[in-house]
Amino acid sequence: MSEQSKPSLLETRKLTKRFGALLANDQIDLTVYGGEIHAILGENGAGKSTLMKSLYGFHQPDGGEILLHGKPTTIASPQMGRELGIGMVFQNFTLVPAMSALENIALFL
């Protein structure tokens, strides 16, 4: 099955996020299919964390759209993101020493 014929798991179309006059994400298009692994790379301040926080529900985009399984979706909160199956490991992630690795991961599920 070609990429064009299988539905995407996650897609952004012209996703835009501003903080006042600062344009953090400018019309980002991204498509993720099942079984793929992606890395988002860029310099400090390039908008990587802002993009991920928009996909997880921490920030609401100012423009564009997010699609899950081909359907436009509003992710209003991190709780809603988790309910939709979206997880996020934070940049400054700190483990709880008294918990196992599995228990630490489960905190974000």
PDB file of N, CA and C in Angstrom:
ATOM      1  N   MET A   1       0.847  -1.174   0.000  1.00  0.00           N
ATOM      2  CA  MET A   1       0.000   0.000   0.000  1.00  0.00           C
ATOM      3  C   MET A   1       0.896   1.241   0.000  1.00  0.00           C
ATOM      4  N   SER A   2       0.678   2.152  -0.918  1.00  0.00           N
ATOM      5  CA  SER A   2       1.503   3.359  -0.989  1.00  0.00           C
ATOM      6  C   SER A   2       1.085   4.340   0.091  1.00  0.00           C
ATOM      7  N   GLU A   3       1.990   5.288   0.413  1.00  0.00           N
ATOM      8  CA  GLU A   3       1.672   6.290   1.429  1.00  0.00           C
ATOM      9  C   GLU A   3       0.427   7.082   1.060  1.00  0.00           C
ATOM     10  N   GLN A   4       0.223   7.358  -0.225  1.00  0.00           N
ATOM     11  CA  GLN A   4      -0.937   8.139  -0.639  1.00  0.00           C
ATOM     12  C   GLN A   4      -2.249   7.391  -0.413  1.00  0.00           C
ATOM     13  N   SER A   5      -2.222   6.053  -0.437  1.00  0.00           N
ATOM     14  CA  SER A   5      -3.464   5.302  -0.304  1.00  0.00           C
ATOM     15  C   SER A   5      -3.774   4.885   1.133  1.00  0.00           C
ATOM     16  N   LYS A   6      -2.800   4.973   2.044  1.00  0.00           N
ATOM     17  CA  LYS A   6      -3.106   4.627   3.431  1.00  0.00           C
ATOM     18  C   LYS A   6      -3.336   5.907   4.237  1.00  0.00           C
ATOM     19  N   PRO A   7      -4.265   5.868   5.187  1.00  0.00           N
ATOM     20  CA  PRO A   7      -4.575   7.076   5.952  1.00  0.00           C
ATOM     21  C   PRO A   7      -3.449   7.428   6.924  1.00  0.00           C
ATOM     22  N   SER A   8      -3.262   8.713   7.126  1.00  0.00           N
ATOM     23  CA  SER A   8      -2.258   9.154   8.088  1.00  0.00           C
ATOM     24  C   SER A   8      -2.801   8.984   9.503  1.00  0.00           C
ATOM     25  N   LEU A   9      -1.896   8.773  10.445  1.00  0.00           N
ATOM     26  CA  LEU A   9      -2.289   8.749  11.853  1.00  0.00           C
ATOM     27  C   LEU A   9      -2.446  10.173  12.367  1.00  0.00           C
ATOM     28  N   LEU A  10      -1.507  11.022  11.977  1.00  0.00           N
ATOM     29  CA  LEU A  10      -1.474  12.405  12.443  1.00  0.00           C
ATOM     30  C   LEU A  10      -1.036  13.295  11.298  1.00  0.00           C
ATOM     31  N   GLU A  11      -1.685  14.425  11.175  1.00  0.00           N
ATOM     32  CA  GLU A  11      -1.323  15.363  10.112  1.00  0.00           C
ATOM     33  C   GLU A  11      -1.568  16.785  10.601  1.00  0.00           C
ATOM     34  N   THR A  12      -0.666  17.681  10.226  1.00  0.00           N
ATOM     35  CA  THR A  12      -0.918  19.107  10.429  1.00  0.00           C
ATOM     36  C   THR A  12      -0.937  19.763   9.060  1.00  0.00           C
ATOM     37  N   ARG A  13      -1.821  20.717   8.921  1.00  0.00           N
ATOM     38  CA  ARG A  13      -1.917  21.483   7.676  1.00  0.00           C
ATOM     39  C   ARG A  13      -1.844  22.962   8.022  1.00  0.00           C
ATOM     40  N   LYS A  14      -0.764  23.583   7.576  1.00  0.00           N
ATOM     41  CA  LYS A  14      -0.552  25.020   7.776  1.00  0.00           C
ATOM     42  C   LYS A  14      -0.722  25.438   9.241  1.00  0.00           C
ATOM     43  N   LEU A  15      -0.236  24.601  10.160  1.00  0.00           N
ATOM     44  CA  LEU A  15      -0.365  24.872  11.588  1.00  0.00           C
ATOM     45  C   LEU A  15       0.475  26.092  11.961  1.00  0.00           C
ATOM     46  N   THR A  16      -0.157  27.058  12.594  1.00  0.00           N
ATOM     47  CA  THR A  16       0.487  28.321  12.944  1.00  0.00           C
ATOM     48  C   THR A  16       0.232  28.628  14.413  1.00  0.00           C
ATOM     49  N   LYS A  17       1.275  29.103  15.096  1.00  0.00           N
ATOM     50  CA  LYS A  17       1.148  29.522  16.492  1.00  0.00           C
ATOM     51  C   LYS A  17       1.960  30.786  16.708  1.00  0.00           C
ATOM     52  N   ARG A  18       1.317  31.781  17.309  1.00  0.00           N
ATOM     53  CA  ARG A  18       1.959  33.055  17.638  1.00  0.00           C
ATOM     54  C   ARG A  18       1.896  33.283  19.140  1.00  0.00           C
ATOM     55  N   PHE A  19       2.888  33.976  19.637  1.00  0.00           N
ATOM     56  CA  PHE A  19       2.888  34.495  20.998  1.00  0.00           C
ATOM     57  C   PHE A  19       3.110  35.994  20.864  1.00  0.00           C
ATOM     58  N   GLY A  20       2.027  36.752  20.852  1.00  0.00           N
ATOM     59  CA  GLY A  20       2.132  38.185  20.582  1.00  0.00           C
ATOM     60  C   GLY A  20       2.676  38.391  19.182  1.00  0.00           C
ATOM     61  N   ALA A  21       3.748  39.167  19.067  1.00  0.00           N
ATOM     62  CA  ALA A  21       4.353  39.439  17.760  1.00  0.00           C
ATOM     63  C   ALA A  21       5.273  38.307  17.293  1.00  0.00           C
ATOM     64  N   LEU A  22       5.598  37.370  18.188  1.00  0.00           N
ATOM     65  CA  LEU A  22       6.512  36.276  17.852  1.00  0.00           C
ATOM     66  C   LEU A  22       5.767  35.171  17.111  1.00  0.00           C
ATOM     67  N   LEU A  23       6.201  34.878  15.900  1.00  0.00           N
ATOM     68  CA  LEU A  23       5.645  33.780  15.107  1.00  0.00           C
ATOM     69  C   LEU A  23       6.467  32.533  15.410  1.00  0.00           C
ATOM     70  N   ALA A  24       5.926  31.652  16.252  1.00  0.00           N
ATOM     71  CA  ALA A  24       6.666  30.471  16.704  1.00  0.00           C
ATOM     72  C   ALA A  24       6.588  29.324  15.701  1.00  0.00           C
ATOM     73  N   ASN A  25       5.423  29.099  15.103  1.00  0.00           N
ATOM     74  CA  ASN A  25       5.222  28.077  14.069  1.00  0.00           C
ATOM     75  C   ASN A  25       4.516  28.733  12.899  1.00  0.00           C
ATOM     76  N   ASP A  26       5.087  28.608  11.715  1.00  0.00           N
ATOM     77  CA  ASP A  26       4.569  29.292  10.531  1.00  0.00           C
ATOM     78  C   ASP A  26       4.113  28.288   9.479  1.00  0.00           C
ATOM     79  N   GLN A  27       2.824  27.967   9.486  1.00  0.00           N
ATOM     80  CA  GLN A  27       2.194  27.120   8.476  1.00  0.00           C
ATOM     81  C   GLN A  27       2.915  25.775   8.306  1.00  0.00           C
ATOM     82  N   ILE A  28       3.007  25.026   9.387  1.00  0.00           N
ATOM     83  CA  ILE A  28       3.720  23.745   9.373  1.00  0.00           C
ATOM     84  C   ILE A  28       2.827  22.642   8.823  1.00  0.00           C
ATOM     85  N   ASP A  29       3.339  21.937   7.824  1.00  0.00           N
ATOM     86  CA  ASP A  29       2.694  20.752   7.262  1.00  0.00           C
ATOM     87  C   ASP A  29       3.515  19.534   7.679  1.00  0.00           C
ATOM     88  N   LEU A  30       2.859  18.562   8.281  1.00  0.00           N
ATOM     89  CA  LEU A  30       3.520  17.350   8.752  1.00  0.00           C
ATOM     90  C   LEU A  30       2.545  16.194   8.593  1.00  0.00           C
ATOM     91  N   THR A  31       3.034  15.064   8.088  1.00  0.00           N
ATOM     92  CA  THR A  31       2.202  13.868   7.967  1.00  0.00           C
ATOM     93  C   THR A  31       2.962  12.687   8.556  1.00  0.00           C
ATOM     94  N   VAL A  32       2.303  11.958   9.449  1.00  0.00           N
ATOM     95  CA  VAL A  32       2.898  10.789  10.089  1.00  0.00           C
ATOM     96  C   VAL A  32       1.997   9.589   9.823  1.00  0.00           C
ATOM     97  N   TYR A  33       2.593   8.534   9.270  1.00  0.00           N
ATOM     98  CA  TYR A  33       1.880   7.286   9.001  1.00  0.00           C
ATOM     99  C   TYR A  33       2.267   6.250  10.050  1.00  0.00           C
ATOM    100  N   GLY A  34       1.435   5.241  10.237  1.00  0.00           N
ATOM    101  CA  GLY A  34       1.724   4.171  11.177  1.00  0.00           C
ATOM    102  C   GLY A  34       3.057   3.510  10.878  1.00  0.00           C
ATOM    103  N   GLY A  35       3.791   3.173  11.919  1.00  0.00           N
ATOM    104  CA  GLY A  35       5.068   2.490  11.768  1.00  0.00           C
ATOM    105  C   GLY A  35       6.243   3.402  11.501  1.00  0.00           C
ATOM    106  N   GLU A  36       6.015   4.694  11.393  1.00  0.00           N
ATOM    107  CA  GLU A  36       7.095   5.642  11.128  1.00  0.00           C
ATOM    108  C   GLU A  36       7.656   6.201  12.428  1.00  0.00           C
ATOM    109  N   ILE A  37       8.910   6.598  12.359  1.00  0.00           N
ATOM    110  CA  ILE A  37       9.570   7.296  13.461  1.00  0.00           C
ATOM    111  C   ILE A  37      10.093   8.606  12.895  1.00  0.00           C
ATOM    112  N   HIS A  38       9.792   9.698  13.578  1.00  0.00           N
ATOM    113  CA  HIS A  38      10.230  11.015  13.122  1.00  0.00           C
ATOM    114  C   HIS A  38      11.054  11.699  14.195  1.00  0.00           C
ATOM    115  N   ALA A  39      11.946  12.563  13.768  1.00  0.00           N
ATOM    116  CA  ALA A  39      12.690  13.434  14.675  1.00  0.00           C
ATOM    117  C   ALA A  39      12.446  14.866  14.221  1.00  0.00           C
ATOM    118  N   ILE A  40      12.202  15.742  15.165  1.00  0.00           N
ATOM    119  CA  ILE A  40      12.025  17.158  14.857  1.00  0.00           C
ATOM    120  C   ILE A  40      13.266  17.864  15.380  1.00  0.00           C
ATOM    121  N   LEU A  41      14.053  18.384  14.455  1.00  0.00           N
ATOM    122  CA  LEU A  41      15.344  18.980  14.785  1.00  0.00           C
ATOM    123  C   LEU A  41      15.354  20.462  14.454  1.00  0.00           C
ATOM    124  N   GLY A  42      16.105  21.218  15.208  1.00  0.00           N
ATOM    125  CA  GLY A  42      16.261  22.637  14.917  1.00  0.00           C
ATOM    126  C   GLY A  42      16.992  23.330  16.042  1.00  0.00           C
ATOM    127  N   GLU A  43      17.393  24.547  15.760  1.00  0.00           N
ATOM    128  CA  GLU A  43      18.102  25.336  16.754  1.00  0.00           C
ATOM    129  C   GLU A  43      17.179  25.713  17.904  1.00  0.00           C
ATOM    130  N   ASN A  44      17.778  26.134  19.000  1.00  0.00           N
ATOM    131  CA  ASN A  44      17.026  26.637  20.138  1.00  0.00           C
ATOM    132  C   ASN A  44      16.138  27.790  19.675  1.00  0.00           C
ATOM    133  N   GLY A  45      14.862  27.737  20.022  1.00  0.00           N
ATOM    134  CA  GLY A  45      13.940  28.802  19.631  1.00  0.00           C
ATOM    135  C   GLY A  45      13.316  28.625  18.264  1.00  0.00           C
ATOM    136  N   ALA A  46      13.554  27.481  17.614  1.00  0.00           N
ATOM    137  CA  ALA A  46      13.037  27.266  16.259  1.00  0.00           C
ATOM    138  C   ALA A  46      11.556  26.883  16.228  1.00  0.00           C
ATOM    139  N   GLY A  47      10.970  26.520  17.380  1.00  0.00           N
ATOM    140  CA  GLY A  47       9.549  26.189  17.423  1.00  0.00           C
ATOM    141  C   GLY A  47       9.232  24.718  17.593  1.00  0.00           C
ATOM    142  N   LYS A  48      10.235  23.901  17.867  1.00  0.00           N
ATOM    143  CA  LYS A  48      10.018  22.453  18.020  1.00  0.00           C
ATOM    144  C   LYS A  48       9.082  22.144  19.187  1.00  0.00           C
ATOM    145  N   SER A  49       9.390  22.690  20.343  1.00  0.00           N
ATOM    146  CA  SER A  49       8.562  22.434  21.527  1.00  0.00           C
ATOM    147  C   SER A  49       7.169  23.018  21.355  1.00  0.00           C
ATOM    148  N   THR A  50       7.069  24.163  20.720  1.00  0.00           N
ATOM    149  CA  THR A  50       5.759  24.776  20.482  1.00  0.00           C
ATOM    150  C   THR A  50       4.904  23.874  19.606  1.00  0.00           C
ATOM    151  N   LEU A  51       5.493  23.302  18.564  1.00  0.00           N
ATOM    152  CA  LEU A  51       4.757  22.379  17.701  1.00  0.00           C
ATOM    153  C   LEU A  51       4.257  21.186  18.504  1.00  0.00           C
ATOM    154  N   MET A  52       5.143  20.579  19.277  1.00  0.00           N
ATOM    155  CA  MET A  52       4.758  19.401  20.050  1.00  0.00           C
ATOM    156  C   MET A  52       3.693  19.745  21.087  1.00  0.00           C
ATOM    157  N   LYS A  53       3.814  20.905  21.714  1.00  0.00           N
ATOM    158  CA  LYS A  53       2.814  21.311  22.710  1.00  0.00           C
ATOM    159  C   LYS A  53       1.466  21.598  22.060  1.00  0.00           C
ATOM    160  N   SER A  54       1.468  22.046  20.825  1.00  0.00           N
ATOM    161  CA  SER A  54       0.202  22.232  20.099  1.00  0.00           C
ATOM    162  C   SER A  54      -0.430  20.881  19.780  1.00  0.00           C
ATOM    163  N   LEU A  55       0.398  19.907  19.423  1.00  0.00           N
ATOM    164  CA  LEU A  55      -0.121  18.572  19.115  1.00  0.00           C
ATOM    165  C   LEU A  55      -0.615  17.856  20.368  1.00  0.00           C
ATOM    166  N   TYR A  56      -0.083  18.222  21.517  1.00  0.00           N
ATOM    167  CA  TYR A  56      -0.433  17.568  22.774  1.00  0.00           C
ATOM    168  C   TYR A  56      -1.567  18.273  23.518  1.00  0.00           C
ATOM    169  N   GLY A  57      -1.896  19.503  23.104  1.00  0.00           N
ATOM    170  CA  GLY A  57      -2.996  20.219  23.739  1.00  0.00           C
ATOM    171  C   GLY A  57      -2.595  21.273  24.749  1.00  0.00           C
ATOM    172  N   PHE A  58      -1.294  21.519  24.921  1.00  0.00           N
ATOM    173  CA  PHE A  58      -0.848  22.590  25.815  1.00  0.00           C
ATOM    174  C   PHE A  58      -1.144  23.957  25.221  1.00  0.00           C
ATOM    175  N   HIS A  59      -0.949  24.085  23.921  1.00  0.00           N
ATOM    176  CA  HIS A  59      -1.225  25.336  23.212  1.00  0.00           C
ATOM    177  C   HIS A  59      -2.311  25.081  22.180  1.00  0.00           C
ATOM    178  N   GLN A  60      -3.106  26.096  21.916  1.00  0.00           N
ATOM    179  CA  GLN A  60      -4.082  26.031  20.833  1.00  0.00           C
ATOM    180  C   GLN A  60      -3.490  26.753  19.629  1.00  0.00           C
ATOM    181  N   PRO A  61      -3.473  26.133  18.456  1.00  0.00           N
ATOM    182  CA  PRO A  61      -2.942  26.800  17.265  1.00  0.00           C
ATOM    183  C   PRO A  61      -3.760  28.050  16.941  1.00  0.00           C
ATOM    184  N   ASP A  62      -3.095  29.027  16.355  1.00  0.00           N
ATOM    185  CA  ASP A  62      -3.772  30.242  15.903  1.00  0.00           C
ATOM    186  C   ASP A  62      -4.279  30.100  14.478  1.00  0.00           C
ATOM    187  N   GLY A  63      -3.804  29.088  13.774  1.00  0.00           N
ATOM    188  CA  GLY A  63      -4.246  28.849  12.408  1.00  0.00           C
ATOM    189  C   GLY A  63      -3.908  27.441  11.983  1.00  0.00           C
ATOM    190  N   GLY A  64      -4.485  27.024  10.884  1.00  0.00           N
ATOM    191  CA  GLY A  64      -4.259  25.681  10.369  1.00  0.00           C
ATOM    192  C   GLY A  64      -5.095  24.657  11.102  1.00  0.00           C
ATOM    193  N   GLU A  65      -4.772  23.382  10.861  1.00  0.00           N
ATOM    194  CA  GLU A  65      -5.556  22.331  11.497  1.00  0.00           C
ATOM    195  C   GLU A  65      -4.713  21.111  11.813  1.00  0.00           C
ATOM    196  N   ILE A  66      -5.221  20.336  12.764  1.00  0.00           N
ATOM    197  CA  ILE A  66      -4.642  19.055  13.151  1.00  0.00           C
ATOM    198  C   ILE A  66      -5.647  17.976  12.769  1.00  0.00           C
ATOM    199  N   LEU A  67      -5.164  16.931  12.104  1.00  0.00           N
ATOM    200  CA  LEU A  67      -6.026  15.809  11.739  1.00  0.00           C
ATOM    201  C   LEU A  67      -5.509  14.541  12.405  1.00  0.00           C
ATOM    202  N   LEU A  68      -6.411  13.774  12.995  1.00  0.00           N
ATOM    203  CA  LEU A  68      -6.098  12.454  13.524  1.00  0.00           C
ATOM    204  C   LEU A  68      -6.892  11.441  12.727  1.00  0.00           C
ATOM    205  N   HIS A  69      -6.190  10.475  12.156  1.00  0.00           N
ATOM    206  CA  HIS A  69      -6.828   9.452  11.316  1.00  0.00           C
ATOM    207  C   HIS A  69      -7.657  10.113  10.210  1.00  0.00           C
ATOM    208  N   GLY A  70      -7.151  11.219   9.676  1.00  0.00           N
ATOM    209  CA  GLY A  70      -7.800  11.893   8.558  1.00  0.00           C
ATOM    210  C   GLY A  70      -8.933  12.831   8.917  1.00  0.00           C
ATOM    211  N   LYS A  71      -9.250  12.962  10.206  1.00  0.00           N
ATOM    212  CA  LYS A  71     -10.377  13.804  10.618  1.00  0.00           C
ATOM    213  C   LYS A  71      -9.879  15.029  11.380  1.00  0.00           C
ATOM    214  N   PRO A  72     -10.357  16.227  11.009  1.00  0.00           N
ATOM    215  CA  PRO A  72      -9.972  17.438  11.751  1.00  0.00           C
ATOM    216  C   PRO A  72     -10.311  17.290  13.235  1.00  0.00           C
ATOM    217  N   THR A  73      -9.364  17.653  14.086  1.00  0.00           N
ATOM    218  CA  THR A  73      -9.500  17.453  15.522  1.00  0.00           C
ATOM    219  C   THR A  73      -9.009  18.684  16.268  1.00  0.00           C
ATOM    220  N   THR A  74      -9.735  19.070  17.298  1.00  0.00           N
ATOM    221  CA  THR A  74      -9.273  20.104  18.220  1.00  0.00           C
ATOM    222  C   THR A  74      -8.813  19.404  19.487  1.00  0.00           C
ATOM    223  N   ILE A  75      -7.568  19.630  19.868  1.00  0.00           N
ATOM    224  CA  ILE A  75      -7.019  19.021  21.077  1.00  0.00           C
ATOM    225  C   ILE A  75      -6.981  20.128  22.125  1.00  0.00           C
ATOM    226  N   ALA A  76      -8.007  20.170  22.957  1.00  0.00           N
ATOM    227  CA  ALA A  76      -8.235  21.298  23.855  1.00  0.00           C
ATOM    228  C   ALA A  76      -7.377  21.286  25.114  1.00  0.00           C
ATOM    229  N   SER A  77      -6.792  20.137  25.447  1.00  0.00           N
ATOM    230  CA  SER A  77      -6.018  20.041  26.687  1.00  0.00           C
ATOM    231  C   SER A  77      -5.087  18.833  26.608  1.00  0.00           C
ATOM    232  N   PRO A  78      -4.053  18.797  27.466  1.00  0.00           N
ATOM    233  CA  PRO A  78      -3.212  17.600  27.515  1.00  0.00           C
ATOM    234  C   PRO A  78      -4.010  16.345  27.869  1.00  0.00           C
ATOM    235  N   GLN A  79      -5.013  16.475  28.723  1.00  0.00           N
ATOM    236  CA  GLN A  79      -5.847  15.317  29.056  1.00  0.00           C
ATOM    237  C   GLN A  79      -6.532  14.786  27.802  1.00  0.00           C
ATOM    238  N   MET A  80      -7.066  15.677  26.990  1.00  0.00           N
ATOM    239  CA  MET A  80      -7.707  15.256  25.745  1.00  0.00           C
ATOM    240  C   MET A  80      -6.678  14.622  24.809  1.00  0.00           C
ATOM    241  N   GLY A  81      -5.473  15.193  24.754  1.00  0.00           N
ATOM    242  CA  GLY A  81      -4.407  14.604  23.948  1.00  0.00           C
ATOM    243  C   GLY A  81      -4.127  13.171  24.359  1.00  0.00           C
ATOM    244  N   ARG A  82      -4.027  12.948  25.670  1.00  0.00           N
ATOM    245  CA  ARG A  82      -3.787  11.583  26.167  1.00  0.00           C
ATOM    246  C   ARG A  82      -4.948  10.665  25.811  1.00  0.00           C
ATOM    247  N   GLU A  83      -6.180  11.170  25.944  1.00  0.00           N
ATOM    248  CA  GLU A  83      -7.355  10.357  25.603  1.00  0.00           C
ATOM    249  C   GLU A  83      -7.366   9.979  24.124  1.00  0.00           C
ATOM    250  N   LEU A  84      -6.770  10.831  23.291  1.00  0.00           N
ATOM    251  CA  LEU A  84      -6.687  10.553  21.854  1.00  0.00           C
ATOM    252  C   LEU A  84      -5.478   9.689  21.502  1.00  0.00           C
ATOM    253  N   GLY A  85      -4.684   9.317  22.507  1.00  0.00           N
ATOM    254  CA  GLY A  85      -3.540   8.445  22.283  1.00  0.00           C
ATOM    255  C   GLY A  85      -2.247   9.173  21.988  1.00  0.00           C
ATOM    256  N   ILE A  86      -2.194  10.471  22.284  1.00  0.00           N
ATOM    257  CA  ILE A  86      -0.985  11.253  22.043  1.00  0.00           C
ATOM    258  C   ILE A  86      -0.224  11.369  23.355  1.00  0.00           C
ATOM    259  N   GLY A  87       1.037  10.992  23.347  1.00  0.00           N
ATOM    260  CA  GLY A  87       1.883  11.100  24.527  1.00  0.00           C
ATOM    261  C   GLY A  87       3.042  12.035  24.253  1.00  0.00           C
ATOM    262  N   MET A  88       3.627  12.545  25.318  1.00  0.00           N
ATOM    263  CA  MET A  88       4.750  13.473  25.156  1.00  0.00           C
ATOM    264  C   MET A  88       5.718  13.278  26.310  1.00  0.00           C
ATOM    265  N   VAL A  89       6.996  13.164  25.987  1.00  0.00           N
ATOM    266  CA  VAL A  89       8.045  13.144  26.999  1.00  0.00           C
ATOM    267  C   VAL A  89       8.693  14.515  26.950  1.00  0.00           C
ATOM    268  N   PHE A  90       8.766  15.163  28.092  1.00  0.00           N
ATOM    269  CA  PHE A  90       9.224  16.542  28.130  1.00  0.00           C
ATOM    270  C   PHE A  90      10.737  16.642  28.046  1.00  0.00           C
ATOM    271  N   GLN A  91      11.185  17.773  27.545  1.00  0.00           N
ATOM    272  CA  GLN A  91      12.596  18.047  27.336  1.00  0.00           C
ATOM    273  C   GLN A  91      13.377  17.928  28.643  1.00  0.00           C
ATOM    274  N   ASN A  92      12.847  18.447  29.719  1.00  0.00           N
ATOM    275  CA  ASN A  92      13.513  18.410  31.020  1.00  0.00           C
ATOM    276  C   ASN A  92      12.853  17.365  31.914  1.00  0.00           C
ATOM    277  N   PHE A  93      12.665  16.202  31.361  1.00  0.00           N
ATOM    278  CA  PHE A  93      11.983  15.104  32.051  1.00  0.00           C
ATOM    279  C   PHE A  93      12.805  14.641  33.251  1.00  0.00           C
ATOM    280  N   THR A  94      12.172  14.537  34.398  1.00  0.00           N
ATOM    281  CA  THR A  94      12.820  14.058  35.608  1.00  0.00           C
ATOM    282  C   THR A  94      12.065  12.833  36.108  1.00  0.00           C
ATOM    283  N   LEU A  95      12.793  11.771  36.351  1.00  0.00           N
ATOM    284  CA  LEU A  95      12.179  10.545  36.851  1.00  0.00           C
ATOM    285  C   LEU A  95      11.876  10.666  38.337  1.00  0.00           C
ATOM    286  N   VAL A  96      10.868   9.942  38.773  1.00  0.00           N
ATOM    287  CA  VAL A  96      10.571   9.826  40.201  1.00  0.00           C
ATOM    288  C   VAL A  96      11.407   8.653  40.706  1.00  0.00           C
ATOM    289  N   PRO A  97      12.441   8.915  41.508  1.00  0.00           N
ATOM    290  CA  PRO A  97      13.388   7.858  41.892  1.00  0.00           C
ATOM    291  C   PRO A  97      12.753   6.641  42.556  1.00  0.00           C
ATOM    292  N   ALA A  98      11.677   6.830  43.295  1.00  0.00           N
ATOM    293  CA  ALA A  98      11.061   5.709  44.014  1.00  0.00           C
ATOM    294  C   ALA A  98      10.200   4.832  43.110  1.00  0.00           C
ATOM    295  N   MET A  99      10.047   5.214  41.832  1.00  0.00           N
ATOM    296  CA  MET A  99       9.185   4.463  40.914  1.00  0.00           C
ATOM    297  C   MET A  99      10.026   3.714  39.888  1.00  0.00           C
ATOM    298  N   SER A 100       9.471   2.621  39.374  1.00  0.00           N
ATOM    299  CA  SER A 100      10.140   1.867  38.307  1.00  0.00           C
ATOM    300  C   SER A 100      10.054   2.656  36.998  1.00  0.00           C
ATOM    301  N   ALA A 101      10.813   2.220  36.001  1.00  0.00           N
ATOM    302  CA  ALA A 101      10.766   2.879  34.689  1.00  0.00           C
ATOM    303  C   ALA A 101       9.351   2.835  34.126  1.00  0.00           C
ATOM    304  N   LEU A 102       8.692   1.684  34.229  1.00  0.00           N
ATOM    305  CA  LEU A 102       7.322   1.548  33.728  1.00  0.00           C
ATOM    306  C   LEU A 102       6.367   2.491  34.460  1.00  0.00           C
ATOM    307  N   GLU A 103       6.505   2.598  35.771  1.00  0.00           N
ATOM    308  CA  GLU A 103       5.644   3.501  36.544  1.00  0.00           C
ATOM    309  C   GLU A 103       5.875   4.956  36.147  1.00  0.00           C
ATOM    310  N   ASN A 104       7.132   5.339  35.888  1.00  0.00           N
ATOM    311  CA  ASN A 104       7.425   6.700  35.445  1.00  0.00           C
ATOM    312  C   ASN A 104       6.779   6.989  34.098  1.00  0.00           C
ATOM    313  N   ILE A 105       6.862   6.049  33.181  1.00  0.00           N
ATOM    314  CA  ILE A 105       6.251   6.230  31.858  1.00  0.00           C
ATOM    315  C   ILE A 105       4.741   6.320  31.986  1.00  0.00           C
ATOM    316  N   ALA A 106       4.152   5.497  32.853  1.00  0.00           N
ATOM    317  CA  ALA A 106       2.696   5.466  33.018  1.00  0.00           C
ATOM    318  C   ALA A 106       2.144   6.786  33.539  1.00  0.00           C
ATOM    319  N   LEU A 107       2.967   7.604  34.162  1.00  0.00           N
ATOM    320  CA  LEU A 107       2.511   8.915  34.635  1.00  0.00           C
ATOM    321  C   LEU A 107       1.965   9.763  33.499  1.00  0.00           C
ATOM    322  N   PHE A 108       2.452   9.539  32.283  1.00  0.00           N
ATOM    323  CA  PHE A 108       2.077  10.373  31.143  1.00  0.00           C
ATOM    324  C   PHE A 108       1.066   9.705  30.224  1.00  0.00           C
ATOM    325  N   LEU A 109       0.561   8.559  30.605  1.00  0.00           N
ATOM    326  CA  LEU A 109      -0.428   7.863  29.777  1.00  0.00           C
ATOM    327  C   LEU A 109      -1.837   8.208  30.193  1.00  0.00           C
TER     328      LEU A 109
END
